[in-house]
N, C-alpha and C. Protein backbone atom coordinates (compact mmCIF):
# COMPACT_ATOMS: atom_id res chain seq x y z
N MET A 1 25.98 -62.84 75.73
CA MET A 1 26.97 -61.82 75.39
C MET A 1 26.45 -60.96 74.22
N ALA A 2 26.57 -59.67 74.36
CA ALA A 2 26.09 -58.76 73.32
C ALA A 2 26.97 -58.86 72.08
N SER A 3 26.34 -58.76 70.91
CA SER A 3 27.13 -58.78 69.70
C SER A 3 27.82 -57.43 69.52
N THR A 4 28.84 -57.42 68.69
CA THR A 4 29.53 -56.17 68.40
C THR A 4 28.54 -55.14 67.86
N TYR A 5 27.62 -55.59 67.01
CA TYR A 5 26.62 -54.67 66.44
C TYR A 5 25.76 -54.05 67.54
N ASP A 6 25.37 -54.87 68.54
CA ASP A 6 24.57 -54.35 69.66
C ASP A 6 25.34 -53.28 70.43
N ILE A 7 26.62 -53.54 70.64
CA ILE A 7 27.46 -52.61 71.39
C ILE A 7 27.59 -51.29 70.63
N VAL A 8 27.80 -51.38 69.30
CA VAL A 8 27.91 -50.18 68.47
C VAL A 8 26.59 -49.40 68.51
N GLU A 9 25.47 -50.14 68.43
CA GLU A 9 24.16 -49.50 68.44
C GLU A 9 23.93 -48.74 69.75
N LYS A 10 24.28 -49.39 70.86
CA LYS A 10 24.09 -48.75 72.17
C LYS A 10 25.00 -47.53 72.31
N ALA A 11 26.24 -47.66 71.84
CA ALA A 11 27.18 -46.54 71.91
C ALA A 11 26.70 -45.38 71.04
N ALA A 12 26.13 -45.69 69.87
CA ALA A 12 25.63 -44.64 68.97
C ALA A 12 24.46 -43.89 69.60
N LYS A 13 23.64 -44.61 70.37
CA LYS A 13 22.47 -44.00 70.98
C LYS A 13 22.79 -43.24 72.27
N THR A 14 23.75 -43.74 73.04
CA THR A 14 23.97 -43.17 74.37
C THR A 14 25.35 -42.54 74.55
N GLY A 15 26.22 -42.71 73.59
CA GLY A 15 27.58 -42.17 73.71
C GLY A 15 27.92 -41.30 72.52
N LYS A 16 29.12 -41.50 71.99
CA LYS A 16 29.56 -40.72 70.83
C LYS A 16 30.35 -41.63 69.90
N VAL A 17 29.97 -41.65 68.63
CA VAL A 17 30.67 -42.46 67.64
C VAL A 17 30.98 -41.62 66.40
N ASP A 18 31.99 -42.05 65.66
CA ASP A 18 32.30 -41.47 64.36
C ASP A 18 32.13 -42.55 63.32
N LYS A 19 31.64 -42.16 62.12
CA LYS A 19 31.40 -43.14 61.06
C LYS A 19 32.27 -42.81 59.86
N GLY A 20 32.65 -43.84 59.13
CA GLY A 20 33.42 -43.64 57.92
C GLY A 20 34.91 -43.78 58.16
N VAL A 21 35.61 -44.31 57.17
CA VAL A 21 37.03 -44.61 57.32
C VAL A 21 37.85 -43.37 57.67
N ASN A 22 37.60 -42.24 57.00
CA ASN A 22 38.40 -41.05 57.26
C ASN A 22 38.23 -40.55 58.69
N GLU A 23 36.98 -40.47 59.14
CA GLU A 23 36.70 -40.01 60.50
C GLU A 23 37.29 -40.97 61.54
N VAL A 24 37.15 -42.26 61.27
CA VAL A 24 37.66 -43.27 62.20
C VAL A 24 39.19 -43.19 62.27
N THR A 25 39.83 -43.04 61.12
CA THR A 25 41.29 -42.92 61.08
C THR A 25 41.75 -41.73 61.91
N LYS A 26 41.07 -40.59 61.76
CA LYS A 26 41.42 -39.39 62.54
C LYS A 26 41.25 -39.64 64.03
N ALA A 27 40.15 -40.30 64.40
CA ALA A 27 39.88 -40.58 65.83
C ALA A 27 40.98 -41.47 66.41
N VAL A 28 41.44 -42.45 65.63
CA VAL A 28 42.50 -43.35 66.09
C VAL A 28 43.81 -42.57 66.22
N GLU A 29 44.13 -41.78 65.19
CA GLU A 29 45.39 -41.03 65.22
C GLU A 29 45.45 -40.05 66.39
N ARG A 30 44.30 -39.47 66.73
CA ARG A 30 44.24 -38.54 67.87
C ARG A 30 44.20 -39.29 69.20
N GLY A 31 43.97 -40.60 69.15
CA GLY A 31 43.92 -41.39 70.37
C GLY A 31 42.63 -41.24 71.14
N VAL A 32 41.56 -40.76 70.48
CA VAL A 32 40.30 -40.57 71.19
C VAL A 32 39.34 -41.76 71.01
N ALA A 33 39.63 -42.66 70.11
CA ALA A 33 38.76 -43.83 69.91
C ALA A 33 39.02 -44.84 71.01
N LYS A 34 37.94 -45.43 71.53
CA LYS A 34 38.08 -46.49 72.53
C LYS A 34 37.92 -47.86 71.89
N LEU A 35 37.17 -47.86 70.78
CA LEU A 35 36.92 -49.10 70.05
C LEU A 35 36.74 -48.76 68.59
N VAL A 36 37.34 -49.56 67.72
CA VAL A 36 37.16 -49.40 66.28
C VAL A 36 36.53 -50.67 65.74
N VAL A 37 35.48 -50.51 64.95
CA VAL A 37 34.82 -51.65 64.32
C VAL A 37 34.85 -51.40 62.82
N PHE A 38 35.34 -52.41 62.08
CA PHE A 38 35.36 -52.23 60.63
C PHE A 38 34.83 -53.49 59.95
N ALA A 39 34.29 -53.32 58.76
CA ALA A 39 33.63 -54.41 58.05
C ALA A 39 34.62 -55.16 57.17
N SER A 40 34.43 -56.48 57.09
CA SER A 40 35.32 -57.29 56.26
C SER A 40 34.90 -57.31 54.80
N ASP A 41 33.67 -56.86 54.50
CA ASP A 41 33.20 -56.91 53.12
C ASP A 41 33.44 -55.60 52.37
N VAL A 42 34.46 -54.87 52.79
CA VAL A 42 34.82 -53.61 52.12
C VAL A 42 35.61 -53.94 50.86
N ASP A 43 35.30 -53.24 49.79
CA ASP A 43 36.00 -53.46 48.54
C ASP A 43 36.36 -52.11 47.95
N PRO A 44 37.59 -51.78 47.70
CA PRO A 44 38.78 -52.62 47.90
C PRO A 44 39.21 -52.68 49.37
N LYS A 45 39.86 -53.77 49.72
CA LYS A 45 40.32 -54.02 51.10
C LYS A 45 41.24 -52.92 51.61
N GLU A 46 41.97 -52.27 50.68
CA GLU A 46 42.93 -51.24 51.06
C GLU A 46 42.29 -50.11 51.87
N LEU A 47 40.98 -49.92 51.70
CA LEU A 47 40.30 -48.84 52.41
C LEU A 47 40.41 -48.96 53.92
N THR A 48 40.39 -50.19 54.42
CA THR A 48 40.40 -50.37 55.88
C THR A 48 41.63 -51.11 56.40
N GLN A 49 42.52 -51.58 55.54
CA GLN A 49 43.58 -52.45 56.04
C GLN A 49 44.59 -51.74 56.95
N HIS A 50 44.60 -50.40 56.94
CA HIS A 50 45.50 -49.66 57.83
C HIS A 50 44.96 -49.59 59.26
N LEU A 51 43.66 -49.82 59.43
CA LEU A 51 43.05 -49.61 60.75
C LEU A 51 43.60 -50.53 61.84
N PRO A 52 43.69 -51.85 61.60
CA PRO A 52 44.24 -52.71 62.68
C PRO A 52 45.66 -52.31 63.07
N ILE A 53 46.47 -51.92 62.10
CA ILE A 53 47.86 -51.53 62.37
C ILE A 53 47.89 -50.28 63.25
N LEU A 54 47.10 -49.28 62.85
CA LEU A 54 47.02 -48.04 63.63
C LEU A 54 46.51 -48.31 65.04
N CYS A 55 45.47 -49.15 65.13
CA CYS A 55 44.89 -49.46 66.44
C CYS A 55 45.90 -50.13 67.35
N LYS A 56 46.70 -51.06 66.80
CA LYS A 56 47.72 -51.73 67.60
C LYS A 56 48.75 -50.73 68.10
N GLU A 57 49.17 -49.82 67.21
CA GLU A 57 50.15 -48.79 67.59
C GLU A 57 49.63 -47.94 68.74
N LYS A 58 48.35 -47.60 68.70
CA LYS A 58 47.76 -46.70 69.69
C LYS A 58 47.13 -47.46 70.85
N ASN A 59 47.22 -48.78 70.82
CA ASN A 59 46.66 -49.61 71.88
C ASN A 59 45.14 -49.44 72.00
N ILE A 60 44.46 -49.44 70.86
CA ILE A 60 43.01 -49.29 70.81
C ILE A 60 42.40 -50.61 70.37
N LYS A 61 41.36 -51.00 71.10
CA LYS A 61 40.67 -52.26 70.78
C LYS A 61 40.00 -52.15 69.41
N PHE A 62 40.09 -53.23 68.61
CA PHE A 62 39.42 -53.20 67.31
C PHE A 62 38.77 -54.55 67.03
N VAL A 63 37.70 -54.51 66.25
CA VAL A 63 36.95 -55.72 65.92
C VAL A 63 36.57 -55.66 64.45
N GLU A 64 36.70 -56.79 63.78
CA GLU A 64 36.24 -56.88 62.40
C GLU A 64 34.88 -57.58 62.40
N VAL A 65 33.92 -56.99 61.70
CA VAL A 65 32.59 -57.59 61.58
C VAL A 65 32.36 -57.97 60.12
N ASP A 66 31.30 -58.71 59.86
CA ASP A 66 31.14 -59.27 58.51
C ASP A 66 30.42 -58.37 57.52
N SER A 67 29.72 -57.32 57.97
CA SER A 67 28.84 -56.63 57.05
C SER A 67 28.81 -55.11 57.22
N ARG A 68 29.13 -54.39 56.14
CA ARG A 68 29.02 -52.92 56.13
C ARG A 68 27.57 -52.51 56.32
N GLU A 69 26.69 -53.31 55.73
CA GLU A 69 25.25 -53.05 55.80
C GLU A 69 24.79 -53.03 57.26
N LYS A 70 25.11 -54.13 57.98
CA LYS A 70 24.69 -54.25 59.38
C LYS A 70 25.38 -53.20 60.25
N LEU A 71 26.62 -52.87 59.91
CA LEU A 71 27.35 -51.86 60.68
C LEU A 71 26.68 -50.50 60.53
N GLY A 72 26.26 -50.17 59.32
CA GLY A 72 25.54 -48.92 59.08
C GLY A 72 24.24 -48.86 59.86
N ILE A 73 23.50 -49.95 59.84
CA ILE A 73 22.22 -50.02 60.56
C ILE A 73 22.46 -49.86 62.07
N SER A 74 23.48 -50.55 62.58
CA SER A 74 23.72 -50.52 64.03
C SER A 74 24.14 -49.12 64.49
N VAL A 75 24.72 -48.34 63.60
CA VAL A 75 25.16 -47.01 64.00
C VAL A 75 24.06 -45.96 63.70
N GLY A 76 22.95 -46.44 63.13
CA GLY A 76 21.79 -45.58 62.98
C GLY A 76 21.70 -44.84 61.65
N ILE A 77 22.42 -45.29 60.64
CA ILE A 77 22.29 -44.68 59.32
C ILE A 77 21.78 -45.74 58.35
N ASN A 78 21.02 -45.32 57.35
CA ASN A 78 20.46 -46.34 56.47
C ASN A 78 21.28 -46.49 55.19
N ARG A 79 22.60 -46.51 55.39
CA ARG A 79 23.49 -46.89 54.30
C ARG A 79 24.69 -47.61 54.90
N PRO A 80 25.35 -48.42 54.08
CA PRO A 80 26.49 -49.19 54.61
C PRO A 80 27.62 -48.27 55.06
N THR A 81 28.35 -48.67 56.08
CA THR A 81 29.54 -47.93 56.49
C THR A 81 30.68 -48.92 56.71
N ALA A 82 31.87 -48.54 56.29
CA ALA A 82 33.01 -49.44 56.35
C ALA A 82 33.61 -49.51 57.75
N ALA A 83 33.48 -48.41 58.51
CA ALA A 83 34.14 -48.37 59.82
C ALA A 83 33.43 -47.42 60.77
N VAL A 84 33.54 -47.76 62.05
CA VAL A 84 32.95 -46.95 63.12
C VAL A 84 33.96 -46.88 64.26
N ALA A 85 34.09 -45.70 64.84
CA ALA A 85 34.92 -45.55 66.05
C ALA A 85 34.01 -45.13 67.19
N VAL A 86 34.16 -45.79 68.33
CA VAL A 86 33.42 -45.40 69.53
C VAL A 86 34.34 -44.53 70.38
N MET A 87 33.91 -43.27 70.60
CA MET A 87 34.71 -42.37 71.43
C MET A 87 34.22 -42.36 72.87
N GLN A 88 32.90 -42.31 73.02
CA GLN A 88 32.31 -42.42 74.35
C GLN A 88 31.28 -43.53 74.28
N GLU A 89 31.48 -44.53 75.12
CA GLU A 89 30.63 -45.73 75.00
C GLU A 89 29.22 -45.55 75.54
N GLY A 90 28.95 -44.52 76.33
CA GLY A 90 27.63 -44.36 76.89
C GLY A 90 27.28 -45.57 77.72
N GLU A 91 26.15 -46.21 77.42
CA GLU A 91 25.74 -47.40 78.19
C GLU A 91 26.30 -48.69 77.62
N ALA A 92 27.03 -48.60 76.52
CA ALA A 92 27.60 -49.81 75.91
C ALA A 92 28.71 -50.37 76.80
N LYS A 93 28.81 -51.67 76.85
CA LYS A 93 29.84 -52.33 77.64
C LYS A 93 30.95 -52.82 76.72
N LEU A 94 31.99 -52.01 76.58
CA LEU A 94 33.09 -52.36 75.69
C LEU A 94 33.88 -53.55 76.21
N ASP A 95 33.82 -53.78 77.51
CA ASP A 95 34.55 -54.89 78.11
C ASP A 95 34.05 -56.25 77.62
N SER A 96 32.81 -56.28 77.13
CA SER A 96 32.27 -57.57 76.72
C SER A 96 32.81 -57.99 75.34
N ILE A 97 33.62 -57.13 74.73
CA ILE A 97 34.29 -57.53 73.48
C ILE A 97 35.65 -58.06 73.85
N ASN A 98 35.95 -59.26 73.35
CA ASN A 98 37.25 -59.83 73.75
C ASN A 98 38.36 -59.34 72.86
């Protein structure tokens, strides 16, 4: 089974993703995000704690991962990112995330 990071990486290369809490929040509010991934090592926690609530309201799948560092790398930037939204999955298989 592909890791969440692998799925984000594939979506970033072959589909369309948004990076950063503000962009991700907008994508969720507009209902264009298919998957939201956010890091658990964000400090302060308040930066991302609204995302699961918003995702539930909009019926969007979301996953928490352990590292902003790894999330940034998987989305193709060489700095940490707190959150990523996948709008078009490209070749990524979002179904493999439970």
